Amino acid sequence: MLLTALVAFAASEMTMEEMIRRLGTKTDGKDHSPDAALFQHDGASLPAKFISGVDKWTECNGTIFEIKNQAQCGSCWAVAASEVLEDRWCISCPVPTVNGKKKTLWFAAEYLLSCCSYCGDGCEGGYPIDAMRWFQYKGIPTGGPYGSGCGCQPYQVKPGAPDTGRTPPCRSECDTGYPISLKADLHRTSDHYKIDASVSAIQQAILKGGPVECAFDVYESFYSWFKDPSTKTKVYKQNRGRLLGGHAIKIIGWDTDSDGTDYWLINNSWGTDWGMGGQFKYVRGTDLGGMEDGCVAADPKCTNTNDYSNEYYCRGN
């Protein structure tokens, strides 16, 4: 069951100032992950087109195509990181299957946002690679979208509320009613790594393990491009205007547009009313905004398969 309807908001009415509040990724390279590995392309052949959940891992398409809503908090770095781990957990780990589809396993982006001491400044911004490092050494509990009541710590930042830009306090316990402790609910990865700044390395990382998190600089033209109905379904390929901030997203695959422009297919975290139902196309191969120089991922450590995770345990269900 997808709960995006619970967290949808009128993104078409988003102002530029509201968008800026959502740009919470630090792209200055001052992260705290000196032990991150580097993923490089090994020369393997790559398809001209590949969309996760369609060309591979169809049993996980419910998870891969779900659109999150981070609300008016610069939590994109944490939300995108948790999304990538959700996808990769579904792809690699023994998640229960119903009618050929694996159940949705949500991870608590807010726990990462609020508790990672070295990831950055919560709603004021953080580093994607540090989020991946946290997964490996500290772990993350389960937690569904705002209002879902699912998992250990559901997202608490309310979409649409004007005063939600403050970082929630770090909580070391699950919400009341969750049947096990936060410690018992933690899920971890076996590694964390930066991806070499090349199209082929990013493509191979996706083919090997699933979607990846990437960060890029956002300019004024990004806002106007996706606000305009005549352009929001086209490939974004040129920055104009002033720099507004850094943003993190989830790349799920790649293709070539009808006009011959190569692009990445991306899930954003601004609700389903933004862009193409929450997705957008971004030019591939030019490193626009540093997109191809800011990709990270981690591989799940499939050791926690407790029966209370998310959809297996939603309060009130």
C-alpha atoms as a PDB file:
ATOM      1  CA  MET A   1       0.000   0.000   0.000  1.00  0.00           C
ATOM      2  CA  LEU A   2       1.381   3.398  -0.987  1.00  0.00           C
ATOM      3  CA  LEU A   3       0.577   6.339   1.224  1.00  0.00           C
ATOM      4  CA  THR A   4       1.625   9.206  -1.017  1.00  0.00           C
ATOM      5  CA  ALA A   5      -1.945  10.472  -0.969  1.00  0.00           C
ATOM      6  CA  LEU A   6      -1.501  11.216   2.718  1.00  0.00           C
ATOM      7  CA  VAL A   7       1.406  13.545   2.046  1.00  0.00           C
ATOM      8  CA  ALA A   8       0.509  15.228  -1.242  1.00  0.00           C
ATOM      9  CA  PHE A   9       0.390  18.998  -1.329  1.00  0.00           C
ATOM     10  CA  ALA A  10      -0.198  21.702  -3.913  1.00  0.00           C
ATOM     11  CA  ALA A  11       3.347  21.831  -5.260  1.00  0.00           C
ATOM     12  CA  SER A  12       2.079  23.751  -8.281  1.00  0.00           C
ATOM     13  CA  GLU A  13       1.598  26.686  -5.886  1.00  0.00           C
ATOM     14  CA  MET A  14       5.119  26.442  -4.464  1.00  0.00           C
ATOM     15  CA  THR A  15       6.924  29.759  -4.441  1.00  0.00           C
ATOM     16  CA  MET A  16      10.624  30.123  -5.158  1.00  0.00           C
ATOM     17  CA  GLU A  17      11.204  30.913  -1.474  1.00  0.00           C
ATOM     18  CA  GLU A  18       9.445  27.685  -0.473  1.00  0.00           C
ATOM     19  CA  MET A  19      11.572  25.735  -2.946  1.00  0.00           C
ATOM     20  CA  ILE A  20      14.750  27.272  -1.540  1.00  0.00           C
ATOM     21  CA  ARG A  21      13.788  25.977   1.929  1.00  0.00           C
ATOM     22  CA  ARG A  22      13.828  22.460   0.467  1.00  0.00           C
ATOM     23  CA  LEU A  23      17.343  22.808  -0.965  1.00  0.00           C
ATOM     24  CA  GLY A  24      19.204  21.287   1.952  1.00  0.00           C
ATOM     25  CA  THR A  25      22.198  19.537   0.423  1.00  0.00           C
ATOM     26  CA  LYS A  26      25.706  20.804   1.079  1.00  0.00           C
ATOM     27  CA  THR A  27      27.834  20.634  -2.063  1.00  0.00           C
ATOM     28  CA  ASP A  28      31.026  22.182  -0.692  1.00  0.00           C
ATOM     29  CA  GLY A  29      32.809  18.826  -0.344  1.00  0.00           C
ATOM     30  CA  LYS A  30      33.363  19.264   3.417  1.00  0.00           C
ATOM     31  CA  ASP A  31      31.842  15.931   4.405  1.00  0.00           C
ATOM     32  CA  HIS A  32      33.076  13.718   7.236  1.00  0.00           C
ATOM     33  CA  SER A  33      33.512  10.392   5.454  1.00  0.00           C
ATOM     34  CA  PRO A  34      37.242   9.780   4.927  1.00  0.00           C
ATOM     35  CA  ASP A  35      36.729   6.023   4.634  1.00  0.00           C
ATOM     36  CA  ALA A  36      34.249   6.101   1.757  1.00  0.00           C
ATOM     37  CA  ALA A  37      35.150   3.730  -1.062  1.00  0.00           C
ATOM     38  CA  LEU A  38      35.098   4.761  -4.729  1.00  0.00           C
ATOM     39  CA  PHE A  39      32.900   2.907  -7.206  1.00  0.00           C
ATOM     40  CA  GLN A  40      34.324   2.898 -10.743  1.00  0.00           C
ATOM     41  CA  HIS A  41      33.135   1.505 -14.067  1.00  0.00           C
ATOM     42  CA  ASP A  42      34.959  -1.727 -14.841  1.00  0.00           C
ATOM     43  CA  GLY A  43      34.396  -1.618 -18.586  1.00  0.00           C
ATOM     44  CA  ALA A  44      31.252  -3.739 -18.656  1.00  0.00           C
ATOM     45  CA  SER A  45      28.793  -3.013 -21.458  1.00  0.00           C
ATOM     46  CA  LEU A  46      25.890  -0.717 -20.643  1.00  0.00           C
ATOM     47  CA  PRO A  47      22.422  -0.509 -22.227  1.00  0.00           C
ATOM     48  CA  ALA A  48      21.325   2.635 -24.056  1.00  0.00           C
ATOM     49  CA  LYS A  49      18.228   2.765 -21.860  1.00  0.00           C
ATOM     50  CA  PHE A  50      17.550   1.426 -18.394  1.00  0.00           C
ATOM     51  CA  ILE A  51      14.767   2.220 -15.913  1.00  0.00           C
ATOM     52  CA  SER A  52      14.840   0.515 -12.502  1.00  0.00           C
ATOM     53  CA  GLY A  53      11.527  -1.176 -11.733  1.00  0.00           C
ATOM     54  CA  VAL A  54      10.725  -1.526 -15.436  1.00  0.00           C
ATOM     55  CA  ASP A  55      13.723  -3.139 -17.131  1.00  0.00           C
ATOM     56  CA  LYS A  56      14.772  -4.957 -13.966  1.00  0.00           C
ATOM     57  CA  TRP A  57      13.440  -5.511 -10.415  1.00  0.00           C
ATOM     58  CA  THR A  58       9.761  -5.228 -11.373  1.00  0.00           C
ATOM     59  CA  GLU A  59       8.931  -6.839  -8.035  1.00  0.00           C
ATOM     60  CA  CYS A  60      10.194  -3.616  -6.421  1.00  0.00           C
ATOM     61  CA  ASN A  61       8.531  -1.057  -8.695  1.00  0.00           C
ATOM     62  CA  GLY A  62       6.140   0.031  -5.944  1.00  0.00           C
ATOM     63  CA  THR A  63       9.093   1.069  -3.821  1.00  0.00           C
ATOM     64  CA  ILE A  64      11.240   2.444  -6.638  1.00  0.00           C
ATOM     65  CA  PHE A  65       8.523   4.672  -8.115  1.00  0.00           C
ATOM     66  CA  GLU A  66       7.122   5.988  -4.842  1.00  0.00           C
ATOM     67  CA  ILE A  67       7.390   9.789  -4.570  1.00  0.00           C
ATOM     68  CA  LYS A  68       8.218  11.226  -1.139  1.00  0.00           C
ATOM     69  CA  ASN A  69       7.357  14.633   0.316  1.00  0.00           C
ATOM     70  CA  GLN A  70      10.081  16.186   2.462  1.00  0.00           C
ATOM     71  CA  ALA A  71       7.908  19.238   3.366  1.00  0.00           C
ATOM     72  CA  GLN A  72       9.434  22.666   4.024  1.00  0.00           C
ATOM     73  CA  CYS A  73      12.639  21.335   5.509  1.00  0.00           C
ATOM     74  CA  GLY A  74      16.023  21.005   3.820  1.00  0.00           C
ATOM     75  CA  SER A  75      15.953  17.252   4.381  1.00  0.00           C
ATOM     76  CA  CYS A  76      16.453  16.205   0.755  1.00  0.00           C
ATOM     77  CA  TRP A  77      19.872  14.721   1.568  1.00  0.00           C
ATOM     78  CA  ALA A  78      18.304  12.440   4.197  1.00  0.00           C
ATOM     79  CA  VAL A  79      15.087  11.635   2.326  1.00  0.00           C
ATOM     80  CA  ALA A  80      16.925  10.679  -0.872  1.00  0.00           C
ATOM     81  CA  ALA A  81      19.404   8.567   1.124  1.00  0.00           C
ATOM     82  CA  SER A  82      16.614   6.651   2.862  1.00  0.00           C
ATOM     83  CA  GLU A  83      14.844   6.150  -0.490  1.00  0.00           C
ATOM     84  CA  VAL A  84      17.971   4.648  -2.048  1.00  0.00           C
ATOM     85  CA  LEU A  85      18.348   2.254   0.862  1.00  0.00           C
ATOM     86  CA  GLU A  86      14.659   1.292   0.618  1.00  0.00           C
ATOM     87  CA  ASP A  87      15.082   0.433  -3.064  1.00  0.00           C
ATOM     88  CA  ARG A  88      18.324  -1.448  -2.572  1.00  0.00           C
ATOM     89  CA  TRP A  89      16.918  -3.334   0.419  1.00  0.00           C
ATOM     90  CA  CYS A  90      13.943  -4.431  -1.682  1.00  0.00           C
ATOM     91  CA  ILE A  91      16.240  -5.479  -4.531  1.00  0.00           C
ATOM     92  CA  SER A  92      18.796  -7.410  -2.477  1.00  0.00           C
ATOM     93  CA  CYS A  93      17.117  -8.575   0.743  1.00  0.00           C
ATOM     94  CA  PRO A  94      14.400 -11.150   1.571  1.00  0.00           C
ATOM     95  CA  VAL A  95      11.413  -8.806   1.779  1.00  0.00           C
ATOM     96  CA  PRO A  96       8.058 -10.674   1.816  1.00  0.00           C
ATOM     97  CA  THR A  97       6.298 -10.897  -1.546  1.00  0.00           C
ATOM     98  CA  VAL A  98       2.561 -10.673  -2.249  1.00  0.00           C
ATOM     99  CA  ASN A  99       1.222 -11.377  -5.756  1.00  0.00           C
ATOM    100  CA  GLY A 100       4.699 -11.052  -7.242  1.00  0.00           C
ATOM    101  CA  LYS A 101       5.455  -7.698  -5.595  1.00  0.00           C
ATOM    102  CA  LYS A 102       7.667  -7.121  -2.585  1.00  0.00           C
ATOM    103  CA  LYS A 103       6.130  -5.215   0.297  1.00  0.00           C
ATOM    104  CA  THR A 104       7.176  -1.623   0.879  1.00  0.00           C
ATOM    105  CA  LEU A 105       9.898  -1.219   3.490  1.00  0.00           C
ATOM    106  CA  TRP A 106      10.242   2.409   4.593  1.00  0.00           C
ATOM    107  CA  PHE A 107      13.224   3.793   6.468  1.00  0.00           C
ATOM    108  CA  ALA A 108      13.009   6.700   8.893  1.00  0.00           C
ATOM    109  CA  ALA A 109      14.494   9.690   7.082  1.00  0.00           C
ATOM    110  CA  GLU A 110      13.738  11.855  10.120  1.00  0.00           C
ATOM    111  CA  TYR A 111      15.959   9.699  12.364  1.00  0.00           C
ATOM    112  CA  LEU A 112      18.836  10.286   9.958  1.00  0.00           C
ATOM    113  CA  LEU A 113      17.965  13.977   9.674  1.00  0.00           C
ATOM    114  CA  SER A 114      17.831  14.545  13.425  1.00  0.00           C
ATOM    115  CA  CYS A 115      20.319  12.094  14.895  1.00  0.00           C
ATOM    116  CA  CYS A 116      23.308  11.929  12.541  1.00  0.00           C
ATOM    117  CA  SER A 117      25.780  14.050  14.489  1.00  0.00           C
ATOM    118  CA  TYR A 118      28.241  14.495  11.624  1.00  0.00           C
ATOM    119  CA  CYS A 119      25.892  14.589   8.620  1.00  0.00           C
ATOM    120  CA  GLY A 120      25.359  18.344   8.708  1.00  0.00           C
ATOM    121  CA  ASP A 121      22.696  20.626  10.137  1.00  0.00           C
ATOM    122  CA  GLY A 122      19.401  18.775   9.815  1.00  0.00           C
ATOM    123  CA  CYS A 123      16.811  20.903   7.993  1.00  0.00           C
ATOM    124  CA  GLU A 124      19.573  23.400   7.252  1.00  0.00           C
ATOM    125  CA  GLY A 125      21.395  20.884   5.085  1.00  0.00           C
ATOM    126  CA  GLY A 126      23.581  17.802   5.134  1.00  0.00           C
ATOM    127  CA  TYR A 127      25.979  15.604   3.151  1.00  0.00           C
ATOM    128  CA  PRO A 128      24.668  12.544   1.234  1.00  0.00           C
ATOM    129  CA  ILE A 129      27.888  10.529   1.684  1.00  0.00           C
ATOM    130  CA  ASP A 130      27.749  11.066   5.452  1.00  0.00           C
ATOM    131  CA  ALA A 131      24.195   9.722   5.417  1.00  0.00           C
ATOM    132  CA  MET A 132      25.468   6.587   3.680  1.00  0.00           C
ATOM    133  CA  ARG A 133      28.264   6.321   6.253  1.00  0.00           C
ATOM    134  CA  TRP A 134      25.696   6.548   9.073  1.00  0.00           C
ATOM    135  CA  PHE A 135      23.807   3.615   7.570  1.00  0.00           C
ATOM    136  CA  GLN A 136      26.935   1.465   7.764  1.00  0.00           C
ATOM    137  CA  TYR A 137      28.090   2.308  11.277  1.00  0.00           C
ATOM    138  CA  LYS A 138      24.927   3.358  13.119  1.00  0.00           C
ATOM    139  CA  GLY A 139      21.979   2.052  11.135  1.00  0.00           C
ATOM    140  CA  ILE A 140      18.467   3.391  10.562  1.00  0.00           C
ATOM    141  CA  PRO A 141      15.087   2.225  11.896  1.00  0.00           C
ATOM    142  CA  THR A 142      11.885   1.912   9.899  1.00  0.00           C
ATOM    143  CA  GLY A 143       9.441   4.767   9.437  1.00  0.00           C
ATOM    144  CA  GLY A 144       6.711   5.551   6.930  1.00  0.00           C
ATOM    145  CA  PRO A 145       5.499   8.869   5.463  1.00  0.00           C
ATOM    146  CA  TYR A 146       3.844  11.616   7.503  1.00  0.00           C
ATOM    147  CA  GLY A 147       0.519  10.463   8.905  1.00  0.00           C
ATOM    148  CA  SER A 148       1.039   6.795   8.018  1.00  0.00           C
ATOM    149  CA  GLY A 149       1.539   5.443  11.547  1.00  0.00           C
ATOM    150  CA  CYS A 150       3.881   2.882  10.034  1.00  0.00           C
ATOM    151  CA  GLY A 151       7.223   1.696  11.347  1.00  0.00           C
ATOM    152  CA  CYS A 152       9.305   2.737  14.333  1.00  0.00           C
ATOM    153  CA  GLN A 153       9.511   6.484  13.563  1.00  0.00           C
ATOM    154  CA  PRO A 154       7.140   7.812  10.858  1.00  0.00           C
ATOM    155  CA  TYR A 155       8.116  11.163   9.310  1.00  0.00           C
ATOM    156  CA  GLN A 156       6.957  14.017  11.566  1.00  0.00           C
ATOM    157  CA  VAL A 157       7.582  17.082   9.365  1.00  0.00           C
ATOM    158  CA  LYS A 158       4.113  18.010   8.099  1.00  0.00           C
ATOM    159  CA  PRO A 159       3.787  18.788   4.372  1.00  0.00           C
ATOM    160  CA  GLY A 160       2.155  22.125   3.658  1.00  0.00           C
ATOM    161  CA  ALA A 161       2.775  23.594   7.101  1.00  0.00           C
ATOM    162  CA  PRO A 162       4.527  27.004   6.929  1.00  0.00           C
ATOM    163  CA  ASP A 163       6.605  26.551  10.087  1.00  0.00           C
ATOM    164  CA  THR A 164       8.173  23.148   9.536  1.00  0.00           C
ATOM    165  CA  GLY A 165      11.695  24.261   8.677  1.00  0.00           C
ATOM    166  CA  ARG A 166      13.037  23.423  12.123  1.00  0.00           C
ATOM    167  CA  THR A 167      14.917  20.184  12.649  1.00  0.00           C
ATOM    168  CA  PRO A 168      12.942  17.766  14.879  1.00  0.00           C
ATOM    169  CA  PRO A 169      14.747  16.586  18.030  1.00  0.00           C
ATOM    170  CA  CYS A 170      16.644  13.299  17.869  1.00  0.00           C
ATOM    171  CA  ARG A 171      14.577  10.492  19.394  1.00  0.00           C
ATOM    172  CA  SER A 172      16.168   7.276  20.654  1.00  0.00           C
ATOM    173  CA  GLU A 173      12.880   5.386  20.930  1.00  0.00           C
ATOM    174  CA  CYS A 174      10.170   4.196  18.572  1.00  0.00           C
ATOM    175  CA  ASP A 175       6.722   5.774  18.597  1.00  0.00           C
ATOM    176  CA  THR A 176       4.335   4.440  21.215  1.00  0.00           C
ATOM    177  CA  GLY A 177       2.809   1.159  20.145  1.00  0.00           C
ATOM    178  CA  TYR A 178       5.660  -0.152  18.042  1.00  0.00           C
ATOM    179  CA  PRO A 179       6.299  -3.654  19.385  1.00  0.00           C
ATOM    180  CA  ILE A 180      10.127  -3.681  19.456  1.00  0.00           C
ATOM    181  CA  SER A 181      12.871  -1.274  20.471  1.00  0.00           C
ATOM    182  CA  LEU A 182      14.581   1.155  18.112  1.00  0.00           C
ATOM    183  CA  LYS A 183      17.847  -0.696  18.647  1.00  0.00           C
ATOM    184  CA  ALA A 184      16.261  -3.970  17.531  1.00  0.00           C
ATOM    185  CA  ASP A 185      14.751  -2.242  14.502  1.00  0.00           C
ATOM    186  CA  LEU A 186      18.007  -0.799  13.124  1.00  0.00           C
ATOM    187  CA  HIS A 187      18.985  -1.744   9.568  1.00  0.00           C
ATOM    188  CA  ARG A 188      22.536  -1.311   8.275  1.00  0.00           C
ATOM    189  CA  THR A 189      24.641  -1.418   5.136  1.00  0.00           C
ATOM    190  CA  SER A 190      27.848  -3.328   4.519  1.00  0.00           C
ATOM    191  CA  ASP A 191      29.656  -0.333   2.987  1.00  0.00           C
ATOM    192  CA  HIS A 192      29.257   3.220   1.699  1.00  0.00           C
ATOM    193  CA  TYR A 193      30.842   4.761  -1.352  1.00  0.00           C
ATOM    194  CA  LYS A 194      31.172   7.706  -3.675  1.00  0.00           C
ATOM    195  CA  ILE A 195      30.641   6.992  -7.344  1.00  0.00           C
ATOM    196  CA  ASP A 196      33.272   8.073  -9.835  1.00  0.00           C
ATOM    197  CA  ALA A 197      32.250  11.252 -11.673  1.00  0.00           C
ATOM    198  CA  SER A 198      31.428   9.569 -14.964  1.00  0.00           C
ATOM    199  CA  VAL A 199      28.218   8.601 -16.684  1.00  0.00           C
ATOM    200  CA  SER A 200      29.364   4.997 -17.098  1.00  0.00           C
ATOM    201  CA  ALA A 201      30.194   4.569 -13.400  1.00  0.00           C
ATOM    202  CA  ILE A 202      26.797   5.917 -12.330  1.00  0.00           C
ATOM    203  CA  GLN A 203      25.066   3.664 -14.842  1.00  0.00           C
ATOM    204  CA  GLN A 204      26.933   0.570 -13.680  1.00  0.00           C
ATOM    205  CA  ALA A 205      26.265   1.387 -10.019  1.00  0.00           C
ATOM    206  CA  ILE A 206      22.536   1.520 -10.783  1.00  0.00           C
ATOM    207  CA  LEU A 207      22.626  -1.679 -12.849  1.00  0.00           C
ATOM    208  CA  LYS A 208      24.514  -3.511 -10.123  1.00  0.00           C
ATOM    209  CA  GLY A 209      22.606  -2.497  -7.006  1.00  0.00           C
ATOM    210  CA  GLY A 210      19.731  -0.144  -7.755  1.00  0.00           C
ATOM    211  CA  PRO A 211      19.027   3.609  -7.710  1.00  0.00           C
ATOM    212  CA  VAL A 212      21.632   6.037  -6.372  1.00  0.00           C
ATOM    213  CA  GLU A 213      21.555   9.394  -4.585  1.00  0.00           C
ATOM    214  CA  CYS A 214      23.047  12.398  -6.392  1.00  0.00           C
ATOM    215  CA  ALA A 215      23.450  16.055  -5.460  1.00  0.00           C
ATOM    216  CA  PHE A 216      23.540  19.117  -7.691  1.00  0.00           C
ATOM    217  CA  ASP A 217      23.460  22.908  -7.605  1.00  0.00           C
ATOM    218  CA  VAL A 218      20.071  24.497  -8.277  1.00  0.00           C
ATOM    219  CA  TYR A 219      19.653  27.785 -10.146  1.00  0.00           C
ATOM    220  CA  GLU A 220      16.666  30.087 -10.637  1.00  0.00           C
ATOM    221  CA  SER A 221      15.870  28.531 -14.013  1.00  0.00           C
ATOM    222  CA  PHE A 222      15.192  25.175 -12.338  1.00  0.00           C
ATOM    223  CA  TYR A 223      12.214  26.706 -10.554  1.00  0.00           C
ATOM    224  CA  SER A 224      10.759  28.367 -13.636  1.00  0.00           C
ATOM    225  CA  TRP A 225      11.357  25.314 -15.880  1.00  0.00           C
ATOM    226  CA  PHE A 226       9.311  22.965 -13.704  1.00  0.00           C
ATOM    227  CA  LYS A 227       6.650  25.532 -12.901  1.00  0.00           C
ATOM    228  CA  ASP A 228       5.837  26.002 -16.595  1.00  0.00           C
ATOM    229  CA  PRO A 229       3.457  23.286 -17.942  1.00  0.00           C
ATOM    230  CA  SER A 230       5.043  23.636 -21.400  1.00  0.00           C
ATOM    231  CA  THR A 231       8.546  22.670 -20.213  1.00  0.00           C
ATOM    232  CA  LYS A 232       8.194  20.572 -17.055  1.00  0.00           C
ATOM    233  CA  THR A 233       7.996  17.296 -19.001  1.00  0.00           C
ATOM    234  CA  LYS A 234      11.071  18.120 -21.095  1.00  0.00           C
ATOM    235  CA  VAL A 235      14.742  17.514 -20.314  1.00  0.00           C
ATOM    236  CA  TYR A 236      16.243  20.225 -18.110  1.00  0.00           C
ATOM    237  CA  LYS A 237      19.609  21.050 -19.669  1.00  0.00           C
ATOM    238  CA  GLN A 238      20.690  24.640 -19.002  1.00  0.00           C
ATOM    239  CA  ASN A 239      21.225  26.626 -15.786  1.00  0.00           C
ATOM    240  CA  ARG A 240      20.355  30.313 -15.770  1.00  0.00           C
ATOM    241  CA  GLY A 241      20.024  32.966 -13.092  1.00  0.00           C
ATOM    242  CA  ARG A 242      21.459  32.965  -9.588  1.00  0.00           C
ATOM    243  CA  LEU A 243      22.513  29.925  -7.597  1.00  0.00           C
ATOM    244  CA  LEU A 244      19.839  29.033  -5.018  1.00  0.00           C
ATOM    245  CA  GLY A 245      21.349  26.061  -3.188  1.00  0.00           C
ATOM    246  CA  GLY A 246      22.131  22.350  -3.339  1.00  0.00           C
ATOM    247  CA  HIS A 247      19.618  19.548  -3.740  1.00  0.00           C
ATOM    248  CA  ALA A 248      19.737  15.737  -3.478  1.00  0.00           C
ATOM    249  CA  ILE A 249      17.566  13.350  -5.463  1.00  0.00           C
ATOM    250  CA  LYS A 250      17.320   9.702  -6.504  1.00  0.00           C
ATOM    251  CA  ILE A 251      18.347   8.643 -10.017  1.00  0.00           C
ATOM    252  CA  ILE A 252      16.426   5.533 -11.080  1.00  0.00           C
ATOM    253  CA  GLY A 253      17.653   5.217 -14.672  1.00  0.00           C
ATOM    254  CA  TRP A 254      18.402   6.833 -18.006  1.00  0.00           C
ATOM    255  CA  ASP A 255      17.096   7.191 -21.561  1.00  0.00           C
ATOM    256  CA  THR A 256      17.220   9.484 -24.603  1.00  0.00           C
ATOM    257  CA  ASP A 257      14.471  12.005 -25.353  1.00  0.00           C
ATOM    258  CA  SER A 258      12.708  12.274 -28.716  1.00  0.00           C
ATOM    259  CA  ASP A 259      14.963  15.194 -29.693  1.00  0.00           C
ATOM    260  CA  GLY A 260      18.102  13.124 -29.085  1.00  0.00           C
ATOM    261  CA  THR A 261      18.958  14.537 -25.639  1.00  0.00           C
ATOM    262  CA  ASP A 262      20.378  11.972 -23.217  1.00  0.00           C
ATOM    263  CA  TYR A 263      18.864  12.258 -19.750  1.00  0.00           C
ATOM    264  CA  TRP A 264      18.669  10.828 -16.252  1.00  0.00           C
ATOM    265  CA  LEU A 265      15.217   9.868 -14.966  1.00  0.00           C
ATOM    266  CA  ILE A 266      14.951  11.203 -11.431  1.00  0.00           C
ATOM    267  CA  ASN A 267      12.597  10.926  -8.452  1.00  0.00           C
ATOM    268  CA  ASN A 268      12.260  14.187  -6.557  1.00  0.00           C
ATOM    269  CA  SER A 269      10.863  14.472  -3.010  1.00  0.00           C
ATOM    270  CA  TRP A 270       8.440  17.394  -3.394  1.00  0.00           C
ATOM    271  CA  GLY A 271       5.208  15.424  -3.725  1.00  0.00           C
ATOM    272  CA  THR A 272       3.391  14.037  -6.743  1.00  0.00           C
ATOM    273  CA  ASP A 273       2.006  17.388  -7.962  1.00  0.00           C
ATOM    274  CA  TRP A 274       5.475  18.638  -8.892  1.00  0.00           C
ATOM    275  CA  GLY A 275       7.121  17.897 -12.261  1.00  0.00           C
ATOM    276  CA  MET A 276       5.978  14.707 -13.974  1.00  0.00           C
ATOM    277  CA  GLY A 277       4.074  13.228 -11.049  1.00  0.00           C
ATOM    278  CA  GLY A 278       7.102  13.931  -8.867  1.00  0.00           C
ATOM    279  CA  GLN A 279       9.727  12.851 -11.394  1.00  0.00           C
ATOM    280  CA  PHE A 280      11.828  14.871 -13.840  1.00  0.00           C
ATOM    281  CA  LYS A 281      14.315  14.501 -16.685  1.00  0.00           C
ATOM    282  CA  TYR A 282      17.801  15.991 -16.298  1.00  0.00           C
ATOM    283  CA  VAL A 283      20.457  16.184 -19.006  1.00  0.00           C
ATOM    284  CA  ARG A 284      22.978  13.333 -18.901  1.00  0.00           C
ATOM    285  CA  GLY A 285      26.643  13.622 -19.801  1.00  0.00           C
ATOM    286  CA  THR A 286      27.396  17.309 -19.186  1.00  0.00           C
ATOM    287  CA  ASP A 287      27.740  17.275 -15.377  1.00  0.00           C
ATOM    288  CA  LEU A 288      25.264  20.154 -15.254  1.00  0.00           C
ATOM    289  CA  GLY A 289      25.230  21.608 -11.757  1.00  0.00           C
ATOM    290  CA  GLY A 290      27.692  18.940 -10.665  1.00  0.00           C
ATOM    291  CA  MET A 291      25.067  16.184 -10.942  1.00  0.00           C
ATOM    292  CA  GLU A 292      27.538  13.546 -12.141  1.00  0.00           C
ATOM    293  CA  ASP A 293      30.166  14.572  -9.609  1.00  0.00           C
ATOM    294  CA  GLY A 294      27.912  14.082  -6.593  1.00  0.00           C
ATOM    295  CA  CYS A 295      26.568  10.515  -6.600  1.00  0.00           C
ATOM    296  CA  VAL A 296      26.737   8.084  -3.672  1.00  0.00           C
ATOM    297  CA  ALA A 297      25.282   4.753  -2.592  1.00  0.00           C
ATOM    298  CA  ALA A 298      25.618   1.857  -0.145  1.00  0.00           C
ATOM    299  CA  ASP A 299      24.852  -1.852  -0.223  1.00  0.00           C
ATOM    300  CA  PRO A 300      22.396  -3.254   2.341  1.00  0.00           C
ATOM    301  CA  LYS A 301      23.436  -5.718   5.000  1.00  0.00           C
ATOM    302  CA  CYS A 302      20.452  -8.053   4.911  1.00  0.00           C
ATOM    303  CA  THR A 303      20.502  -9.137   8.548  1.00  0.00           C
ATOM    304  CA  ASN A 304      17.378  -7.520  10.014  1.00  0.00           C
ATOM    305  CA  THR A 305      14.187  -9.069   8.694  1.00  0.00           C
ATOM    306  CA  ASN A 306      11.928  -8.572  11.715  1.00  0.00           C
ATOM    307  CA  ASP A 307       8.205  -8.973  11.111  1.00  0.00           C
ATOM    308  CA  TYR A 308       7.288  -5.532  12.436  1.00  0.00           C
ATOM    309  CA  SER A 309       8.863  -3.419   9.710  1.00  0.00           C
ATOM    310  CA  ASN A 310       6.567  -0.809   8.206  1.00  0.00           C
ATOM    311  CA  GLU A 311       3.684  -2.369   6.334  1.00  0.00           C
ATOM    312  CA  TYR A 312       4.025  -5.455   8.479  1.00  0.00           C
ATOM    313  CA  TYR A 313       3.157  -3.209  11.435  1.00  0.00           C
ATOM    314  CA  CYS A 314       1.186   0.028  11.043  1.00  0.00           C
ATOM    315  CA  ARG A 315      -0.599   1.354  14.105  1.00  0.00           C
ATOM    316  CA  GLY A 316      -4.328   1.343  13.519  1.00  0.00           C
ATOM    317  CA  ASN A 317      -4.147  -1.217  10.704  1.00  0.00           C
END
